[in-house]
């Protein structure tokens, strides 16, 4: 059915939309006819007449507020926002082999992760919701992670930031429901490779887990803990986000959906 999601000509902001999951979300929104504002520090490879890139430091209040007004000006309204921007720097709470070393958590790393992963969600959501309140409608999708639901070795601050986002999702949904604004979380698990899976990331993760980069890479394709027997596709996350942004999900709010092929602690 044509335009089943009803997103044609609706304006949606996607933070961190130049790569990885964000890029997949942007492309799917464009395919569904939406006007998309990509708020990122660097423009992505994908270009389209209905895609507007706004260079944005999502940790800076003034930059965020300016970006939201740019988005609003496209059609005079703002349909939704996807808080996707995030970073992950694997670190141990204490490194017994190298105390205060490269891969032990310090205040600088703590603050950087919290600023990008959590402060940005607060700033972008607040600016967008001010517009949505005037409209008496809107949708906020917060990108969480399986790590925020289950925890993850060597990724405690990343996991904590995503768990905090889950708290935002539940609380804001309760606050904003009376204004016809929905807030929903999406928590991907192990996904197919993207440009974000760098050697430095893999080396850090391997160190924090007492293993090798080769073993980490082998684990990407391991199916022993995933009932569906494979890694997820970026398009599968994008499909769900697009559905949640649409009125097809008009009675869904305050929940975080795990997109991880059934993977869990059990």
Protein backbone atom coordinates (compact mmCIF):
# COMPACT_ATOMS: atom_id res chain seq x y z
CA UNK A 1 0.00 0.00 0.00
CA UNK A 2 1.40 3.37 -1.03
CA UNK A 3 2.41 5.66 1.82
CA UNK A 4 1.29 3.13 4.43
CA UNK A 5 3.20 4.98 7.15
CA UNK A 6 1.88 8.41 6.22
CA UNK A 7 5.28 10.08 6.55
CA UNK A 8 5.20 11.88 3.20
CA UNK A 9 6.26 15.53 3.59
CA UNK A 10 6.56 15.18 7.38
CA UNK A 11 9.74 16.70 8.86
CA UNK A 12 11.93 14.50 11.06
CA UNK A 13 15.27 15.30 12.70
CA UNK A 14 17.85 12.52 12.94
CA UNK A 15 20.96 13.23 15.01
CA UNK A 16 24.13 11.45 13.92
CA UNK A 17 22.52 10.61 10.59
CA UNK A 18 25.66 10.52 8.47
CA UNK A 19 26.76 6.95 9.22
CA UNK A 20 25.78 3.58 10.68
CA UNK A 21 22.27 3.18 12.04
CA UNK A 22 21.60 6.89 11.65
CA UNK A 23 22.34 6.76 7.93
CA UNK A 24 20.02 3.76 7.54
CA UNK A 25 17.23 5.61 9.37
CA UNK A 26 17.72 8.70 7.18
CA UNK A 27 17.58 6.65 3.97
CA UNK A 28 14.42 4.80 5.06
CA UNK A 29 12.69 8.04 6.06
CA UNK A 30 13.54 9.54 2.66
CA UNK A 31 12.18 6.43 0.92
CA UNK A 32 8.93 6.98 2.85
CA UNK A 33 8.69 10.56 1.59
CA UNK A 34 9.74 12.42 4.73
CA UNK A 35 11.73 15.64 4.90
CA UNK A 36 14.81 14.80 6.96
CA UNK A 37 17.25 17.03 8.80
CA UNK A 38 20.54 15.28 9.52
CA UNK A 39 22.17 16.91 12.56
CA UNK A 40 25.77 15.74 12.57
CA UNK A 41 29.29 17.15 12.63
CA UNK A 42 30.12 15.78 9.17
CA UNK A 43 27.85 15.38 6.17
CA UNK A 44 27.27 11.82 4.99
CA UNK A 45 27.64 10.38 1.50
CA UNK A 46 23.89 10.13 0.94
CA UNK A 47 22.34 13.17 -0.72
CA UNK A 48 18.68 13.86 -1.59
CA UNK A 49 16.48 16.84 -2.33
CA UNK A 50 14.45 16.13 0.82
CA UNK A 51 17.51 15.75 3.03
CA UNK A 52 18.95 18.79 4.76
CA UNK A 53 22.31 18.58 6.49
CA UNK A 54 22.81 20.94 9.42
CA UNK A 55 26.29 20.82 10.93
CA UNK A 56 25.51 20.51 14.63
CA UNK A 57 27.36 19.92 17.84
CA UNK A 58 24.52 18.13 19.62
CA UNK A 59 26.13 18.88 23.00
CA UNK A 60 25.82 22.64 22.43
CA UNK A 61 22.47 24.20 23.41
CA UNK A 62 22.60 27.14 21.00
CA UNK A 63 23.60 24.94 18.05
CA UNK A 64 20.80 22.48 18.83
CA UNK A 65 18.15 25.19 19.13
CA UNK A 66 19.23 26.73 15.82
CA UNK A 67 19.11 23.32 14.11
CA UNK A 68 15.57 22.65 15.41
CA UNK A 69 14.36 25.99 14.08
CA UNK A 70 15.91 25.18 10.70
CA UNK A 71 13.99 21.91 10.68
CA UNK A 72 10.76 23.60 11.66
CA UNK A 73 11.09 26.16 8.88
CA UNK A 74 10.97 23.47 6.17
CA UNK A 75 7.19 22.95 6.49
CA UNK A 76 6.31 25.05 9.51
CA UNK A 77 6.02 22.03 11.79
CA UNK A 78 8.07 19.21 13.27
CA UNK A 79 6.76 15.67 13.12
CA UNK A 80 9.47 13.80 14.99
CA UNK A 81 13.03 13.52 16.23
CA UNK A 82 15.35 10.51 16.40
CA UNK A 83 18.07 10.85 19.04
CA UNK A 84 20.67 8.63 17.42
CA UNK A 85 24.01 10.43 17.95
CA UNK A 86 26.33 8.52 20.26
CA UNK A 87 29.85 7.27 20.95
CA UNK A 88 31.33 4.24 22.62
CA UNK A 89 34.83 4.18 24.12
CA UNK A 90 35.41 0.82 25.86
CA UNK A 91 37.01 1.28 29.28
CA UNK A 92 37.43 -0.76 32.49
CA UNK A 93 36.39 0.66 35.83
CA UNK A 94 39.83 -0.48 37.10
CA UNK A 95 42.57 -1.99 34.95
CA UNK A 96 44.63 -4.28 37.23
CA UNK A 97 47.32 -4.68 34.55
CA UNK A 98 47.67 -0.95 33.83
CA UNK A 99 46.24 1.23 36.64
CA UNK A 100 45.33 4.72 35.38
CA UNK A 101 46.29 3.56 31.91
CA UNK A 102 44.81 4.02 28.45
CA UNK A 103 41.88 1.67 28.92
CA UNK A 104 40.91 2.57 32.47
CA UNK A 105 37.95 4.88 32.86
CA UNK A 106 38.81 8.48 33.74
CA UNK A 107 36.83 11.68 34.20
CA UNK A 108 37.57 12.98 30.72
CA UNK A 109 36.25 9.84 29.01
CA UNK A 110 33.29 9.65 31.39
CA UNK A 111 32.28 13.23 30.59
CA UNK A 112 32.74 12.82 26.84
CA UNK A 113 30.48 9.78 26.66
CA UNK A 114 27.85 11.31 28.91
CA UNK A 115 27.86 14.57 26.92
CA UNK A 116 27.39 12.93 23.52
CA UNK A 117 25.14 10.05 24.56
CA UNK A 118 22.99 11.65 27.25
CA UNK A 119 23.28 15.45 27.33
CA UNK A 120 22.55 15.60 23.60
CA UNK A 121 19.33 13.63 24.06
CA UNK A 122 18.21 16.12 26.72
CA UNK A 123 19.11 19.19 24.63
CA UNK A 124 17.68 17.98 21.32
CA UNK A 125 14.52 16.59 22.89
CA UNK A 126 13.85 19.73 24.90
CA UNK A 127 14.21 22.01 21.87
CA UNK A 128 12.06 19.73 19.70
CA UNK A 129 9.38 19.23 22.36
CA UNK A 130 8.93 22.99 22.72
CA UNK A 131 7.79 22.96 19.08
CA UNK A 132 5.71 19.80 19.53
CA UNK A 133 3.84 21.31 22.48
CA UNK A 134 2.68 24.16 20.25
CA UNK A 135 1.40 21.58 17.75
CA UNK A 136 -0.07 19.27 20.42
CA UNK A 137 1.59 16.31 18.71
CA UNK A 138 4.98 14.76 18.03
CA UNK A 139 7.16 11.69 18.37
CA UNK A 140 10.56 11.31 20.04
CA UNK A 141 12.53 8.14 19.34
CA UNK A 142 15.53 7.57 21.61
CA UNK A 143 18.17 5.16 20.35
CA UNK A 144 19.26 3.01 23.26
CA UNK A 145 21.20 -0.27 23.14
CA UNK A 146 20.96 -3.84 24.31
CA UNK A 147 23.90 -2.87 26.54
CA UNK A 148 21.63 -0.38 28.30
CA UNK A 149 19.24 -3.20 29.16
CA UNK A 150 21.73 -5.97 29.94
CA UNK A 151 25.06 -4.27 30.74
CA UNK A 152 28.29 -5.03 28.90
CA UNK A 153 31.84 -5.91 29.95
CA UNK A 154 34.22 -3.03 29.26
CA UNK A 155 31.38 -0.70 28.33
CA UNK A 156 29.98 0.37 31.69
CA UNK A 157 29.67 4.10 30.95
CA UNK A 158 28.21 3.48 27.51
CA UNK A 159 25.74 1.03 29.09
CA UNK A 160 24.94 3.47 31.88
CA UNK A 161 24.29 6.29 29.40
CA UNK A 162 21.90 4.09 27.44
CA UNK A 163 20.15 2.92 30.61
CA UNK A 164 19.67 6.59 31.52
CA UNK A 165 18.12 7.18 28.10
CA UNK A 166 15.63 4.41 28.91
CA UNK A 167 14.74 6.44 32.00
CA UNK A 168 14.21 9.53 29.85
CA UNK A 169 11.93 7.53 27.57
CA UNK A 170 9.69 6.22 30.35
CA UNK A 171 9.54 9.52 32.25
CA UNK A 172 8.96 11.82 29.27
CA UNK A 173 6.24 9.52 27.93
CA UNK A 174 4.39 9.97 31.22
CA UNK A 175 4.91 13.74 31.18
CA UNK A 176 3.97 14.31 27.56
CA UNK A 177 1.17 11.85 26.88
CA UNK A 178 -1.43 14.45 27.76
CA UNK A 179 -0.04 16.60 24.95
CA UNK A 180 -0.29 13.82 22.35
CA UNK A 181 3.50 13.44 22.24
CA UNK A 182 4.85 9.90 22.20
CA UNK A 183 8.35 8.91 23.41
CA UNK A 184 9.74 5.51 22.42
CA UNK A 185 13.08 3.73 22.78
CA UNK A 186 14.81 1.36 20.35
CA UNK A 187 17.66 -0.81 21.63
CA UNK A 188 19.71 -2.57 18.92
CA UNK A 189 21.87 -5.58 19.71
CA UNK A 190 24.72 -6.93 17.57
CA UNK A 191 24.46 -5.30 14.16
CA UNK A 192 26.19 -5.82 10.83
CA UNK A 193 29.52 -4.03 10.44
CA UNK A 194 29.61 -0.27 9.90
CA UNK A 195 32.37 2.33 9.65
CA UNK A 196 31.98 2.95 13.38
CA UNK A 197 33.55 -0.43 14.20
CA UNK A 198 37.13 0.86 14.04
CA UNK A 199 40.37 -0.89 14.90
CA UNK A 200 40.88 1.42 17.90
CA UNK A 201 37.44 0.47 19.20
CA UNK A 202 38.15 -3.23 18.73
CA UNK A 203 41.55 -2.97 20.42
CA UNK A 204 40.02 -1.19 23.40
CA UNK A 205 37.19 -3.70 23.70
CA UNK A 206 39.59 -6.64 23.39
CA UNK A 207 41.80 -5.23 26.17
CA UNK A 208 38.89 -4.65 28.53
CA UNK A 209 37.72 -8.23 27.96
CA UNK A 210 41.13 -9.87 28.19
CA UNK A 211 40.98 -11.24 24.66
CA UNK A 212 42.19 -10.47 21.12
CA UNK A 213 40.85 -8.38 18.25
CA UNK A 214 40.55 -11.60 16.23
CA UNK A 215 38.36 -13.14 18.91
CA UNK A 216 36.23 -10.00 19.10
CA UNK A 217 35.70 -10.12 15.34
CA UNK A 218 34.80 -13.78 15.45
CA UNK A 219 32.19 -12.96 18.07
CA UNK A 220 30.36 -10.64 15.65
CA UNK A 221 29.27 -13.62 13.62
CA UNK A 222 28.70 -15.97 16.56
CA UNK A 223 25.12 -17.15 16.78
CA UNK A 224 25.31 -19.09 20.03
CA UNK A 225 23.60 -16.37 22.09
CA UNK A 226 21.18 -15.12 19.43
CA UNK A 227 18.12 -17.31 18.83
CA UNK A 228 17.62 -15.95 15.30
CA UNK A 229 21.16 -17.06 14.50
CA UNK A 230 22.57 -13.92 12.87
CA UNK A 231 23.54 -10.30 13.38
CA UNK A 232 20.92 -7.65 12.79
CA UNK A 233 20.65 -5.54 9.66
CA UNK A 234 20.74 -1.76 9.93
CA UNK A 235 17.64 -1.68 7.74
CA UNK A 236 15.75 -3.72 10.34
CA UNK A 237 16.39 -1.05 12.96
CA UNK A 238 15.46 1.68 10.48
CA UNK A 239 12.19 -0.06 9.62
CA UNK A 240 11.15 -0.16 13.27
CA UNK A 241 12.09 3.48 13.87
CA UNK A 242 10.04 4.54 10.84
CA UNK A 243 7.07 2.55 12.11
CA UNK A 244 7.28 4.12 15.55
CA UNK A 245 7.45 7.59 14.00
CA UNK A 246 4.23 6.92 12.13
CA UNK A 247 0.66 7.05 13.38
CA UNK A 248 0.53 3.29 12.80
CA UNK A 249 2.14 3.16 16.26
CA UNK A 250 -0.15 5.81 17.73
CA UNK A 251 -0.81 3.86 20.95
CA UNK A 252 2.81 2.93 21.63
CA UNK A 253 4.76 5.10 24.08
CA UNK A 254 7.03 4.81 27.10
CA UNK A 255 8.64 1.50 26.07
CA UNK A 256 12.07 0.50 24.80
CA UNK A 257 12.10 -2.29 22.21
CA UNK A 258 15.07 -4.64 22.08
CA UNK A 259 16.07 -5.28 18.44
CA UNK A 260 18.54 -8.08 19.10
CA UNK A 261 17.25 -11.28 17.54
CA UNK A 262 16.07 -12.60 20.90
CA UNK A 263 19.52 -12.26 22.50
CA UNK A 264 19.43 -11.91 26.29
CA UNK A 265 21.27 -13.02 29.39
CA UNK A 266 19.46 -16.35 29.45
